[in-house]
C-alpha atoms as a PDB file:
ATOM      1  CA  UNK A   1      -0.047   0.226   0.082  1.00  0.00           C
ATOM      2  CA  UNK A   2       1.103   3.662  -0.400  1.00  0.00           C
ATOM      3  CA  UNK A   3      -1.006   5.589   1.101  1.00  0.00           C
ATOM      4  CA  UNK A   4      -4.399   5.359   2.290  1.00  0.00           C
ATOM      5  CA  UNK A   5      -6.986   7.012   4.091  1.00  0.00           C
ATOM      6  CA  UNK A   6     -10.968   7.964   4.573  1.00  0.00           C
ATOM      7  CA  UNK A   7     -11.494   8.434   1.330  1.00  0.00           C
ATOM      8  CA  UNK A   8      -9.122   6.325  -1.297  1.00  0.00           C
ATOM      9  CA  UNK A   9      -6.402   4.382  -1.180  1.00  0.00           C
ATOM     10  CA  UNK A  10      -2.876   4.253  -3.895  1.00  0.00           C
ATOM     11  CA  UNK A  11      -1.822   0.283  -4.194  1.00  0.00           C
ATOM     12  CA  UNK A  12       1.116  -0.704  -6.018  1.00  0.00           C
ATOM     13  CA  UNK A  13       1.486  -3.673  -7.052  1.00  0.00           C
ATOM     14  CA  UNK A  14       2.392  -6.431 -10.227  1.00  0.00           C
ATOM     15  CA  UNK A  15       0.262  -6.272 -13.138  1.00  0.00           C
ATOM     16  CA  UNK A  16      -0.106  -9.539 -12.961  1.00  0.00           C
ATOM     17  CA  UNK A  17      -2.141  -8.755  -9.976  1.00  0.00           C
ATOM     18  CA  UNK A  18      -4.055  -6.154  -9.919  1.00  0.00           C
ATOM     19  CA  UNK A  19      -7.329  -7.940  -9.054  1.00  0.00           C
ATOM     20  CA  UNK A  20      -5.972  -8.548  -5.864  1.00  0.00           C
ATOM     21  CA  UNK A  21      -5.386  -4.952  -5.691  1.00  0.00           C
ATOM     22  CA  UNK A  22      -9.316  -4.348  -6.924  1.00  0.00           C
ATOM     23  CA  UNK A  23     -10.399  -6.587  -4.362  1.00  0.00           C
ATOM     24  CA  UNK A  24      -8.348  -5.660  -0.880  1.00  0.00           C
ATOM     25  CA  UNK A  25      -9.470  -1.653  -2.312  1.00  0.00           C
ATOM     26  CA  UNK A  26     -13.193  -2.873  -2.043  1.00  0.00           C
ATOM     27  CA  UNK A  27     -12.805  -4.603   1.898  1.00  0.00           C
ATOM     28  CA  UNK A  28     -10.721  -1.177   2.503  1.00  0.00           C
ATOM     29  CA  UNK A  29     -13.406   0.767   1.351  1.00  0.00           C
ATOM     30  CA  UNK A  30     -16.513  -1.263   2.407  1.00  0.00           C
ATOM     31  CA  UNK A  31     -14.632  -1.354   6.123  1.00  0.00           C
ATOM     32  CA  UNK A  32     -15.674   2.181   5.369  1.00  0.00           C
ATOM     33  CA  UNK A  33     -19.448   1.830   4.478  1.00  0.00           C
ATOM     34  CA  UNK A  34     -18.737   2.558   1.041  1.00  0.00           C
ATOM     35  CA  UNK A  35     -17.739   1.469  -2.260  1.00  0.00           C
ATOM     36  CA  UNK A  36     -14.346   0.895  -3.887  1.00  0.00           C
ATOM     37  CA  UNK A  37     -14.304   3.088  -7.755  1.00  0.00           C
ATOM     38  CA  UNK A  38     -10.857   3.018 -10.266  1.00  0.00           C
ATOM     39  CA  UNK A  39      -9.617   6.681 -10.207  1.00  0.00           C
ATOM     40  CA  UNK A  40      -6.682   5.906 -11.594  1.00  0.00           C
ATOM     41  CA  UNK A  41      -3.594   2.802 -13.463  1.00  0.00           C
ATOM     42  CA  UNK A  42       0.044   4.225 -13.789  1.00  0.00           C
ATOM     43  CA  UNK A  43       1.978   2.208 -15.162  1.00  0.00           C
ATOM     44  CA  UNK A  44       5.893   2.673 -13.043  1.00  0.00           C
ATOM     45  CA  UNK A  45       7.573   0.571 -14.764  1.00  0.00           C
ATOM     46  CA  UNK A  46       9.404  -2.739 -13.795  1.00  0.00           C
ATOM     47  CA  UNK A  47       5.707  -5.136 -14.569  1.00  0.00           C
ATOM     48  CA  UNK A  48       4.630  -2.961 -11.680  1.00  0.00           C
ATOM     49  CA  UNK A  49       1.836  -0.626 -11.527  1.00  0.00           C
ATOM     50  CA  UNK A  50      -0.417   2.116  -9.694  1.00  0.00           C
ATOM     51  CA  UNK A  51      -4.117   1.656  -8.899  1.00  0.00           C
ATOM     52  CA  UNK A  52      -5.151   4.644  -7.190  1.00  0.00           C
ATOM     53  CA  UNK A  53      -9.492   4.218  -6.126  1.00  0.00           C
ATOM     54  CA  UNK A  54     -12.041   6.527  -4.484  1.00  0.00           C
ATOM     55  CA  UNK A  55     -13.770   5.297  -1.973  1.00  0.00           C
ATOM     56  CA  UNK A  56     -17.683   7.113  -2.215  1.00  0.00           C
END
């Protein structure tokens, strides 16, 4: 996890683990009684990507 607060979460994951990141974001936002919505996808090289989700 790169960062998180009550309204968003950013995860840096290997490209093949993006579905696991989506599940983690759903769980994280769900714990705050919110839904996870994908905001940005940023490739960082080295087969990794930063996925940023908003908790709405």
